[in-house]
Amino acid sequence: DRQLSPLEAYRIFELLYQRACELDPEQMEILTVDAPQ
């Protein structure tokens, strides 16, 4: 019951995507696991 809703998970993905766009890829790599979507 503590699992995120699909929309909550998608909002987190949007944040991770935005950070990945902003950050120097040589300094930090961002990735996700267990959600191929």
PDB file of all heavy atoms in Angstrom:
ATOM      1  N   ASP A   1       0.813  -1.219   0.000  1.00  0.00           N
ATOM      2  CA  ASP A   1       0.000   0.000   0.000  1.00  0.00           C
ATOM      3  C   ASP A   1       0.846   1.268   0.000  1.00  0.00           C
ATOM      4  O   ASP A   1       0.324   2.367  -0.163  1.00  0.00           O
ATOM      5  CB  ASP A   1      -0.945   0.012   1.209  1.00  0.00           C
ATOM      6  CG  ASP A   1      -0.210   0.029   2.536  1.00  0.00           C
ATOM      7  OD1 ASP A   1       0.937  -0.488   2.600  1.00  0.00           O
ATOM      8  OD2 ASP A   1      -0.763   0.555   3.516  1.00  0.00           O
ATOM      9  N   ARG A   2       2.169   1.131   0.171  1.00  0.00           N
ATOM     10  CA  ARG A   2       3.060   2.287   0.152  1.00  0.00           C
ATOM     11  C   ARG A   2       3.669   2.518  -1.232  1.00  0.00           C
ATOM     12  O   ARG A   2       4.496   3.398  -1.407  1.00  0.00           O
ATOM     13  CB  ARG A   2       4.197   2.130   1.185  1.00  0.00           C
ATOM     14  CG  ARG A   2       3.741   1.818   2.598  1.00  0.00           C
ATOM     15  CD  ARG A   2       2.681   2.790   3.078  1.00  0.00           C
ATOM     16  NE  ARG A   2       3.167   4.159   3.160  1.00  0.00           N
ATOM     17  CZ  ARG A   2       2.378   5.225   3.173  1.00  0.00           C
ATOM     18  NH1 ARG A   2       1.060   5.087   3.075  1.00  0.00           N
ATOM     19  NH2 ARG A   2       2.900   6.438   3.262  1.00  0.00           N
ATOM     20  N   GLN A   3       3.257   1.691  -2.209  1.00  0.00           N
ATOM     21  CA  GLN A   3       3.754   1.863  -3.568  1.00  0.00           C
ATOM     22  C   GLN A   3       3.188   3.150  -4.166  1.00  0.00           C
ATOM     23  O   GLN A   3       2.037   3.524  -3.919  1.00  0.00           O
ATOM     24  CB  GLN A   3       3.354   0.669  -4.427  1.00  0.00           C
ATOM     25  CG  GLN A   3       3.889   0.729  -5.852  1.00  0.00           C
ATOM     26  CD  GLN A   3       3.829  -0.617  -6.527  1.00  0.00           C
ATOM     27  OE1 GLN A   3       4.812  -1.320  -6.603  1.00  0.00           O
ATOM     28  NE2 GLN A   3       2.655  -0.983  -7.012  1.00  0.00           N
ATOM     29  N   LEU A   4       3.993   3.810  -4.973  1.00  0.00           N
ATOM     30  CA  LEU A   4       3.549   5.028  -5.635  1.00  0.00           C
ATOM     31  C   LEU A   4       2.446   4.730  -6.645  1.00  0.00           C
ATOM     32  O   LEU A   4       2.382   3.641  -7.219  1.00  0.00           O
ATOM     33  CB  LEU A   4       4.724   5.689  -6.359  1.00  0.00           C
ATOM     34  CG  LEU A   4       5.905   6.163  -5.504  1.00  0.00           C
ATOM     35  CD1 LEU A   4       7.001   6.713  -6.395  1.00  0.00           C
ATOM     36  CD2 LEU A   4       5.466   7.206  -4.499  1.00  0.00           C
ATOM     37  N   SER A   5       1.597   5.700  -6.869  1.00  0.00           N
ATOM     38  CA  SER A   5       0.613   5.581  -7.940  1.00  0.00           C
ATOM     39  C   SER A   5       1.332   5.776  -9.272  1.00  0.00           C
ATOM     40  O   SER A   5       2.442   6.335  -9.321  1.00  0.00           O
ATOM     41  CB  SER A   5      -0.474   6.645  -7.778  1.00  0.00           C
ATOM     42  OG  SER A   5       0.063   7.935  -8.086  1.00  0.00           O
ATOM     43  N   PRO A   6       0.729   5.335 -10.384  1.00  0.00           N
ATOM     44  CA  PRO A   6       1.359   5.559 -11.694  1.00  0.00           C
ATOM     45  C   PRO A   6       1.673   7.032 -11.960  1.00  0.00           C
ATOM     46  O   PRO A   6       2.740   7.351 -12.495  1.00  0.00           O
ATOM     47  CB  PRO A   6       0.309   5.023 -12.675  1.00  0.00           C
ATOM     48  CG  PRO A   6      -0.420   3.976 -11.903  1.00  0.00           C
ATOM     49  CD  PRO A   6      -0.489   4.514 -10.503  1.00  0.00           C
ATOM     50  N   LEU A   7       0.772   7.935 -11.559  1.00  0.00           N
ATOM     51  CA  LEU A   7       1.014   9.356 -11.800  1.00  0.00           C
ATOM     52  C   LEU A   7       2.148   9.875 -10.928  1.00  0.00           C
ATOM     53  O   LEU A   7       2.989  10.658 -11.390  1.00  0.00           O
ATOM     54  CB  LEU A   7      -0.260  10.161 -11.534  1.00  0.00           C
ATOM     55  CG  LEU A   7      -0.152  11.671 -11.804  1.00  0.00           C
ATOM     56  CD1 LEU A   7       0.272  11.943 -13.245  1.00  0.00           C
ATOM     57  CD2 LEU A   7      -1.470  12.368 -11.492  1.00  0.00           C
ATOM     58  N   GLU A   8       2.210   9.449  -9.662  1.00  0.00           N
ATOM     59  CA  GLU A   8       3.310   9.872  -8.784  1.00  0.00           C
ATOM     60  C   GLU A   8       4.654   9.410  -9.342  1.00  0.00           C
ATOM     61  O   GLU A   8       5.634  10.163  -9.347  1.00  0.00           O
ATOM     62  CB  GLU A   8       3.096   9.305  -7.379  1.00  0.00           C
ATOM     63  CG  GLU A   8       1.969   9.980  -6.610  1.00  0.00           C
ATOM     64  CD  GLU A   8       1.601   9.233  -5.343  1.00  0.00           C
ATOM     65  OE1 GLU A   8       1.797   7.990  -5.288  1.00  0.00           O
ATOM     66  OE2 GLU A   8       1.097   9.875  -4.408  1.00  0.00           O
ATOM     67  N   ALA A   9       4.700   8.165  -9.816  1.00  0.00           N
ATOM     68  CA  ALA A   9       5.936   7.643 -10.393  1.00  0.00           C
ATOM     69  C   ALA A   9       6.321   8.422 -11.647  1.00  0.00           C
ATOM     70  O   ALA A   9       7.507   8.720 -11.875  1.00  0.00           O
ATOM     71  CB  ALA A   9       5.782   6.157 -10.715  1.00  0.00           C
ATOM     72  N   TYR A  10       5.332   8.775 -12.452  1.00  0.00           N
ATOM     73  CA  TYR A  10       5.620   9.531 -13.673  1.00  0.00           C
ATOM     74  C   TYR A  10       6.157  10.918 -13.344  1.00  0.00           C
ATOM     75  O   TYR A  10       7.076  11.407 -14.018  1.00  0.00           O
ATOM     76  CB  TYR A  10       4.367   9.652 -14.532  1.00  0.00           C
ATOM     77  CG  TYR A  10       4.603  10.431 -15.803  1.00  0.00           C
ATOM     78  CD1 TYR A  10       5.380   9.908 -16.822  1.00  0.00           C
ATOM     79  CD2 TYR A  10       4.076  11.715 -15.961  1.00  0.00           C
ATOM     80  CE1 TYR A  10       5.621  10.626 -17.990  1.00  0.00           C
ATOM     81  CE2 TYR A  10       4.312  12.440 -17.116  1.00  0.00           C
ATOM     82  CZ  TYR A  10       5.086  11.887 -18.124  1.00  0.00           C
ATOM     83  OH  TYR A  10       5.337  12.610 -19.266  1.00  0.00           O
ATOM     84  N   ARG A  11       5.615  11.552 -12.316  1.00  0.00           N
ATOM     85  CA  ARG A  11       6.117  12.875 -11.914  1.00  0.00           C
ATOM     86  C   ARG A  11       7.579  12.791 -11.462  1.00  0.00           C
ATOM     87  O   ARG A  11       8.378  13.696 -11.729  1.00  0.00           O
ATOM     88  CB  ARG A  11       5.251  13.466 -10.798  1.00  0.00           C
ATOM     89  CG  ARG A  11       3.811  13.770 -11.199  1.00  0.00           C
ATOM     90  CD  ARG A  11       3.739  14.711 -12.371  1.00  0.00           C
ATOM     91  NE  ARG A  11       2.368  15.057 -12.715  1.00  0.00           N
ATOM     92  CZ  ARG A  11       1.959  15.382 -13.927  1.00  0.00           C
ATOM     93  NH1 ARG A  11       2.822  15.412 -14.933  1.00  0.00           N
ATOM     94  NH2 ARG A  11       0.694  15.682 -14.164  1.00  0.00           N
ATOM     95  N   ILE A  12       7.917  11.709 -10.767  1.00  0.00           N
ATOM     96  CA  ILE A  12       9.307  11.515 -10.363  1.00  0.00           C
ATOM     97  C   ILE A  12      10.181  11.321 -11.596  1.00  0.00           C
ATOM     98  O   ILE A  12      11.286  11.874 -11.692  1.00  0.00           O
ATOM     99  CB  ILE A  12       9.447  10.311  -9.418  1.00  0.00           C
ATOM    100  CG1 ILE A  12       8.746  10.584  -8.086  1.00  0.00           C
ATOM    101  CG2 ILE A  12      10.923   9.977  -9.186  1.00  0.00           C
ATOM    102  CD1 ILE A  12       9.337  11.714  -7.286  1.00  0.00           C
ATOM    103  N   PHE A  13       9.703  10.528 -12.554  1.00  0.00           N
ATOM    104  CA  PHE A  13      10.460  10.353 -13.792  1.00  0.00           C
ATOM    105  C   PHE A  13      10.712  11.698 -14.462  1.00  0.00           C
ATOM    106  O   PHE A  13      11.819  11.963 -14.942  1.00  0.00           O
ATOM    107  CB  PHE A  13       9.737   9.425 -14.769  1.00  0.00           C
ATOM    108  CG  PHE A  13      10.345   9.472 -16.140  1.00  0.00           C
ATOM    109  CD1 PHE A  13      11.485   8.750 -16.431  1.00  0.00           C
ATOM    110  CD2 PHE A  13       9.816  10.305 -17.128  1.00  0.00           C
ATOM    111  CE1 PHE A  13      12.094   8.837 -17.683  1.00  0.00           C
ATOM    112  CE2 PHE A  13      10.412  10.397 -18.385  1.00  0.00           C
ATOM    113  CZ  PHE A  13      11.548   9.655 -18.655  1.00  0.00           C
ATOM    114  N   GLU A  14       9.692  12.555 -14.528  1.00  0.00           N
ATOM    115  CA  GLU A  14       9.862  13.874 -15.150  1.00  0.00           C
ATOM    116  C   GLU A  14      10.967  14.666 -14.460  1.00  0.00           C
ATOM    117  O   GLU A  14      11.772  15.334 -15.123  1.00  0.00           O
ATOM    118  CB  GLU A  14       8.552  14.643 -15.093  1.00  0.00           C
ATOM    119  CG  GLU A  14       7.475  14.132 -16.039  1.00  0.00           C
ATOM    120  CD  GLU A  14       6.259  15.026 -16.055  1.00  0.00           C
ATOM    121  OE1 GLU A  14       5.764  15.400 -14.964  1.00  0.00           O
ATOM    122  OE2 GLU A  14       5.793  15.377 -17.164  1.00  0.00           O
ATOM    123  N   LEU A  15      11.010  14.578 -13.136  1.00  0.00           N
ATOM    124  CA  LEU A  15      12.059  15.274 -12.389  1.00  0.00           C
ATOM    125  C   LEU A  15      13.438  14.699 -12.732  1.00  0.00           C
ATOM    126  O   LEU A  15      14.396  15.451 -12.964  1.00  0.00           O
ATOM    127  CB  LEU A  15      11.794  15.158 -10.890  1.00  0.00           C
ATOM    128  CG  LEU A  15      12.890  15.697  -9.968  1.00  0.00           C
ATOM    129  CD1 LEU A  15      13.058  17.200 -10.134  1.00  0.00           C
ATOM    130  CD2 LEU A  15      12.573  15.360  -8.516  1.00  0.00           C
ATOM    131  N   LEU A  16      13.543  13.376 -12.764  1.00  0.00           N
ATOM    132  CA  LEU A  16      14.816  12.734 -13.087  1.00  0.00           C
ATOM    133  C   LEU A  16      15.251  13.098 -14.503  1.00  0.00           C
ATOM    134  O   LEU A  16      16.439  13.362 -14.751  1.00  0.00           O
ATOM    135  CB  LEU A  16      14.686  11.217 -12.951  1.00  0.00           C
ATOM    136  CG  LEU A  16      14.391  10.678 -11.549  1.00  0.00           C
ATOM    137  CD1 LEU A  16      14.123   9.181 -11.610  1.00  0.00           C
ATOM    138  CD2 LEU A  16      15.535  10.976 -10.590  1.00  0.00           C
ATOM    139  N   TYR A  17      14.312  13.126 -15.415  1.00  0.00           N
ATOM    140  CA  TYR A  17      14.612  13.491 -16.802  1.00  0.00           C
ATOM    141  C   TYR A  17      15.152  14.926 -16.872  1.00  0.00           C
ATOM    142  O   TYR A  17      16.153  15.198 -17.546  1.00  0.00           O
ATOM    143  CB  TYR A  17      13.352  13.350 -17.651  1.00  0.00           C
ATOM    144  CG  TYR A  17      13.497  13.854 -19.072  1.00  0.00           C
ATOM    145  CD1 TYR A  17      14.060  13.046 -20.052  1.00  0.00           C
ATOM    146  CD2 TYR A  17      13.078  15.144 -19.425  1.00  0.00           C
ATOM    147  CE1 TYR A  17      14.192  13.510 -21.359  1.00  0.00           C
ATOM    148  CE2 TYR A  17      13.219  15.603 -20.717  1.00  0.00           C
ATOM    149  CZ  TYR A  17      13.768  14.783 -21.679  1.00  0.00           C
ATOM    150  OH  TYR A  17      13.917  15.246 -22.966  1.00  0.00           O
ATOM    151  N   GLN A  18      14.485  15.824 -16.161  1.00  0.00           N
ATOM    152  CA  GLN A  18      14.913  17.219 -16.165  1.00  0.00           C
ATOM    153  C   GLN A  18      16.319  17.369 -15.588  1.00  0.00           C
ATOM    154  O   GLN A  18      17.162  18.083 -16.136  1.00  0.00           O
ATOM    155  CB  GLN A  18      13.927  18.078 -15.370  1.00  0.00           C
ATOM    156  CG  GLN A  18      14.183  19.572 -15.487  1.00  0.00           C
ATOM    157  CD  GLN A  18      14.075  20.077 -16.912  1.00  0.00           C
ATOM    158  OE1 GLN A  18      13.215  19.642 -17.673  1.00  0.00           O
ATOM    159  NE2 GLN A  18      14.972  20.990 -17.296  1.00  0.00           N
ATOM    160  N   ARG A  19      16.584  16.674 -14.479  1.00  0.00           N
ATOM    161  CA  ARG A  19      17.913  16.738 -13.866  1.00  0.00           C
ATOM    162  C   ARG A  19      18.965  16.148 -14.804  1.00  0.00           C
ATOM    163  O   ARG A  19      20.086  16.662 -14.893  1.00  0.00           O
ATOM    164  CB  ARG A  19      17.927  15.988 -12.539  1.00  0.00           C
ATOM    165  CG  ARG A  19      17.118  16.645 -11.454  1.00  0.00           C
ATOM    166  CD  ARG A  19      17.744  17.957 -10.978  1.00  0.00           C
ATOM    167  NE  ARG A  19      17.061  18.458  -9.802  1.00  0.00           N
ATOM    168  CZ  ARG A  19      15.972  19.191  -9.819  1.00  0.00           C
ATOM    169  NH1 ARG A  19      15.423  19.532 -10.985  1.00  0.00           N
ATOM    170  NH2 ARG A  19      15.402  19.599  -8.701  1.00  0.00           N
ATOM    171  N   ALA A  20      18.614  15.062 -15.482  1.00  0.00           N
ATOM    172  CA  ALA A  20      19.566  14.446 -16.410  1.00  0.00           C
ATOM    173  C   ALA A  20      19.907  15.400 -17.551  1.00  0.00           C
ATOM    174  O   ALA A  20      21.049  15.439 -18.021  1.00  0.00           O
ATOM    175  CB  ALA A  20      18.996  13.141 -16.965  1.00  0.00           C
ATOM    176  N   CYS A  21      18.930  16.176 -18.001  1.00  0.00           N
ATOM    177  CA  CYS A  21      19.171  17.161 -19.054  1.00  0.00           C
ATOM    178  C   CYS A  21      20.083  18.286 -18.569  1.00  0.00           C
ATOM    179  O   CYS A  21      20.913  18.799 -19.320  1.00  0.00           O
ATOM    180  CB  CYS A  21      17.853  17.747 -19.546  1.00  0.00           C
ATOM    181  SG  CYS A  21      16.797  16.601 -20.463  1.00  0.00           S
ATOM    182  N   GLU A  22      19.925  18.663 -17.303  1.00  0.00           N
ATOM    183  CA  GLU A  22      20.654  19.806 -16.748  1.00  0.00           C
ATOM    184  C   GLU A  22      22.073  19.471 -16.312  1.00  0.00           C
ATOM    185  O   GLU A  22      22.987  20.295 -16.442  1.00  0.00           O
ATOM    186  CB  GLU A  22      19.889  20.361 -15.546  1.00  0.00           C
ATOM    187  CG  GLU A  22      18.517  20.938 -15.879  1.00  0.00           C
ATOM    188  CD  GLU A  22      17.690  21.211 -14.638  1.00  0.00           C
ATOM    189  OE1 GLU A  22      18.112  20.807 -13.524  1.00  0.00           O
ATOM    190  OE2 GLU A  22      16.622  21.818 -14.769  1.00  0.00           O
ATOM    191  N   LEU A  23      22.269  18.266 -15.769  1.00  0.00           N
ATOM    192  CA  LEU A  23      23.550  17.914 -15.163  1.00  0.00           C
ATOM    193  C   LEU A  23      24.579  17.489 -16.202  1.00  0.00           C
ATOM    194  O   LEU A  23      24.244  16.910 -17.241  1.00  0.00           O
ATOM    195  CB  LEU A  23      23.364  16.784 -14.145  1.00  0.00           C
ATOM    196  CG  LEU A  23      22.549  17.122 -12.898  1.00  0.00           C
ATOM    197  CD1 LEU A  23      22.310  15.872 -12.064  1.00  0.00           C
ATOM    198  CD2 LEU A  23      23.271  18.187 -12.067  1.00  0.00           C
ATOM    199  N   ASP A  24      25.832  17.760 -15.917  1.00  0.00           N
ATOM    200  CA  ASP A  24      26.940  17.314 -16.751  1.00  0.00           C
ATOM    201  C   ASP A  24      26.995  15.790 -16.719  1.00  0.00           C
ATOM    202  O   ASP A  24      27.176  15.198 -15.654  1.00  0.00           O
ATOM    203  CB  ASP A  24      28.247  17.896 -16.204  1.00  0.00           C
ATOM    204  CG  ASP A  24      29.467  17.507 -17.036  1.00  0.00           C
ATOM    205  OD1 ASP A  24      29.333  16.643 -17.925  1.00  0.00           O
ATOM    206  OD2 ASP A  24      30.553  18.049 -16.764  1.00  0.00           O
ATOM    207  N   PRO A  25      26.821  15.117 -17.853  1.00  0.00           N
ATOM    208  CA  PRO A  25      26.804  13.651 -17.852  1.00  0.00           C
ATOM    209  C   PRO A  25      28.116  13.028 -17.400  1.00  0.00           C
ATOM    210  O   PRO A  25      28.144  11.846 -17.034  1.00  0.00           O
ATOM    211  CB  PRO A  25      26.480  13.300 -19.312  1.00  0.00           C
ATOM    212  CG  PRO A  25      26.912  14.496 -20.093  1.00  0.00           C
ATOM    213  CD  PRO A  25      26.643  15.666 -19.201  1.00  0.00           C
ATOM    214  N   GLU A  26      29.182  13.810 -17.427  1.00  0.00           N
ATOM    215  CA  GLU A  26      30.467  13.301 -16.942  1.00  0.00           C
ATOM    216  C   GLU A  26      30.535  13.317 -15.420  1.00  0.00           C
ATOM    217  O   GLU A  26      31.395  12.666 -14.829  1.00  0.00           O
ATOM    218  CB  GLU A  26      31.620  14.134 -17.522  1.00  0.00           C
ATOM    219  CG  GLU A  26      31.698  14.122 -19.037  1.00  0.00           C
ATOM    220  CD  GLU A  26      31.897  12.722 -19.607  1.00  0.00           C
ATOM    221  OE1 GLU A  26      32.595  11.917 -18.949  1.00  0.00           O
ATOM    222  OE2 GLU A  26      31.345  12.435 -20.679  1.00  0.00           O
ATOM    223  N   GLN A  27      29.638  14.065 -14.795  1.00  0.00           N
ATOM    224  CA  GLN A  27      29.645  14.178 -13.338  1.00  0.00           C
ATOM    225  C   GLN A  27      28.677  13.208 -12.665  1.00  0.00           C
ATOM    226  O   GLN A  27      28.951  12.692 -11.586  1.00  0.00           O
ATOM    227  CB  GLN A  27      29.301  15.611 -12.927  1.00  0.00           C
ATOM    228  CG  GLN A  27      30.262  16.654 -13.443  1.00  0.00           C
ATOM    229  CD  GLN A  27      31.684  16.420 -12.964  1.00  0.00           C
ATOM    230  OE1 GLN A  27      31.913  16.172 -11.787  1.00  0.00           O
ATOM    231  NE2 GLN A  27      32.641  16.495 -13.886  1.00  0.00           N
ATOM    232  N   MET A  28      27.515  12.967 -13.269  1.00  0.00           N
ATOM    233  CA  MET A  28      26.538  12.070 -12.674  1.00  0.00           C
ATOM    234  C   MET A  28      25.666  11.426 -13.739  1.00  0.00           C
ATOM    235  O   MET A  28      25.181  12.089 -14.645  1.00  0.00           O
ATOM    236  CB  MET A  28      25.636  12.799 -11.667  1.00  0.00           C
ATOM    237  CG  MET A  28      24.648  11.856 -10.966  1.00  0.00           C
ATOM    238  SD  MET A  28      23.405  12.716  -9.968  1.00  0.00           S
ATOM    239  CE  MET A  28      24.442  13.424  -8.694  1.00  0.00           C
ATOM    240  N   GLU A  29      25.474  10.110 -13.588  1.00  0.00           N
ATOM    241  CA  GLU A  29      24.551   9.366 -14.430  1.00  0.00           C
ATOM    242  C   GLU A  29      23.301   9.043 -13.629  1.00  0.00           C
ATOM    243  O   GLU A  29      23.379   8.581 -12.497  1.00  0.00           O
ATOM    244  CB  GLU A  29      25.186   8.057 -14.915  1.00  0.00           C
ATOM    245  CG  GLU A  29      24.242   7.223 -15.763  1.00  0.00           C
ATOM    246  CD  GLU A  29      24.784   5.846 -16.089  1.00  0.00           C
ATOM    247  OE1 GLU A  29      25.724   5.394 -15.412  1.00  0.00           O
ATOM    248  OE2 GLU A  29      24.247   5.215 -17.016  1.00  0.00           O
ATOM    249  N   ILE A  30      22.130   9.288 -14.218  1.00  0.00           N
ATOM    250  CA  ILE A  30      20.848   8.984 -13.574  1.00  0.00           C
ATOM    251  C   ILE A  30      20.179   7.858 -14.342  1.00  0.00           C
ATOM    252  O   ILE A  30      20.109   7.891 -15.575  1.00  0.00           O
ATOM    253  CB  ILE A  30      19.936  10.227 -13.557  1.00  0.00           C
ATOM    254  CG1 ILE A  30      20.569  11.347 -12.722  1.00  0.00           C
ATOM    255  CG2 ILE A  30      18.556   9.878 -13.010  1.00  0.00           C
ATOM    256  CD1 ILE A  30      19.811  12.660 -12.764  1.00  0.00           C
ATOM    257  N   LEU A  31      19.703   6.858 -13.622  1.00  0.00           N
ATOM    258  CA  LEU A  31      19.023   5.740 -14.253  1.00  0.00           C
ATOM    259  C   LEU A  31      17.926   5.202 -13.351  1.00  0.00           C
ATOM    260  O   LEU A  31      17.891   5.482 -12.150  1.00  0.00           O
ATOM    261  CB  LEU A  31      20.004   4.625 -14.609  1.00  0.00           C
ATOM    262  CG  LEU A  31      20.846   4.015 -13.491  1.00  0.00           C
ATOM    263  CD1 LEU A  31      21.236   2.589 -13.849  1.00  0.00           C
ATOM    264  CD2 LEU A  31      22.139   4.830 -13.286  1.00  0.00           C
ATOM    265  N   THR A  32      17.006   4.448 -13.932  1.00  0.00           N
ATOM    266  CA  THR A  32      15.937   3.828 -13.157  1.00  0.00           C
ATOM    267  C   THR A  32      15.928   2.325 -13.416  1.00  0.00           C
ATOM    268  O   THR A  32      16.380   1.853 -14.468  1.00  0.00           O
ATOM    269  CB  THR A  32      14.544   4.400 -13.510  1.00  0.00           C
ATOM    270  OG1 THR A  32      14.225   4.081 -14.869  1.00  0.00           O
ATOM    271  CG2 THR A  32      14.511   5.904 -13.297  1.00  0.00           C
ATOM    272  N   VAL A  33      15.392   1.591 -12.444  1.00  0.00           N
ATOM    273  CA  VAL A  33      15.322   0.130 -12.517  1.00  0.00           C
ATOM    274  C   VAL A  33      13.901  -0.305 -12.158  1.00  0.00           C
ATOM    275  O   VAL A  33      13.243   0.328 -11.330  1.00  0.00           O
ATOM    276  CB  VAL A  33      16.340  -0.517 -11.554  1.00  0.00           C
ATOM    277  CG1 VAL A  33      16.264  -2.040 -11.601  1.00  0.00           C
ATOM    278  CG2 VAL A  33      17.761  -0.060 -11.875  1.00  0.00           C
ATOM    279  N   ASP A  34      13.457  -1.386 -12.776  1.00  0.00           N
ATOM    280  CA  ASP A  34      12.168  -2.026 -12.460  1.00  0.00           C
ATOM    281  C   ASP A  34      10.960  -1.290 -13.033  1.00  0.00           C
ATOM    282  O   ASP A  34       9.839  -1.518 -12.590  1.00  0.00           O
ATOM    283  CB  ASP A  34      11.964  -2.203 -10.944  1.00  0.00           C
ATOM    284  CG  ASP A  34      13.131  -2.890 -10.286  1.00  0.00           C
ATOM    285  OD1 ASP A  34      13.678  -3.815 -10.903  1.00  0.00           O
ATOM    286  OD2 ASP A  34      13.503  -2.499  -9.166  1.00  0.00           O
ATOM    287  N   ALA A  35      11.176  -0.430 -14.020  1.00  0.00           N
ATOM    288  CA  ALA A  35      10.047   0.203 -14.721  1.00  0.00           C
ATOM    289  C   ALA A  35      10.467   0.453 -16.166  1.00  0.00           C
ATOM    290  O   ALA A  35      10.818   1.572 -16.547  1.00  0.00           O
ATOM    291  CB  ALA A  35       9.625   1.499 -14.048  1.00  0.00           C
ATOM    292  N   PRO A  36      10.449  -0.592 -17.004  1.00  0.00           N
ATOM    293  CA  PRO A  36      10.857  -0.426 -18.400  1.00  0.00           C
ATOM    294  C   PRO A  36      10.073   0.648 -19.150  1.00  0.00           C
ATOM    295  O   PRO A  36      10.567   1.203 -20.128  1.00  0.00           O
ATOM    296  CB  PRO A  36      10.611  -1.817 -19.000  1.00  0.00           C
ATOM    297  CG  PRO A  36      10.718  -2.747 -17.832  1.00  0.00           C
ATOM    298  CD  PRO A  36      10.128  -1.985 -16.677  1.00  0.00           C
ATOM    299  N   GLN A  37       8.857   0.936 -18.663  1.00  0.00           N
ATOM    300  CA  GLN A  37       8.060   1.975 -19.316  1.00  0.00           C
ATOM    301  C   GLN A  37       8.722   3.346 -19.241  1.00  0.00           C
ATOM    302  O   GLN A  37       8.365   4.252 -20.013  1.00  0.00           O
ATOM    303  CB  GLN A  37       6.654   2.043 -18.709  1.00  0.00           C
ATOM    304  CG  GLN A  37       6.603   2.247 -17.218  1.00  0.00           C
ATOM    305  CD  GLN A  37       6.485   0.930 -16.449  1.00  0.00           C
ATOM    306  OE1 GLN A  37       7.010  -0.098 -16.880  1.00  0.00           O
ATOM    307  NE2 GLN A  37       5.776   0.952 -15.335  1.00  0.00           N
TER     308      GLN A  37
END
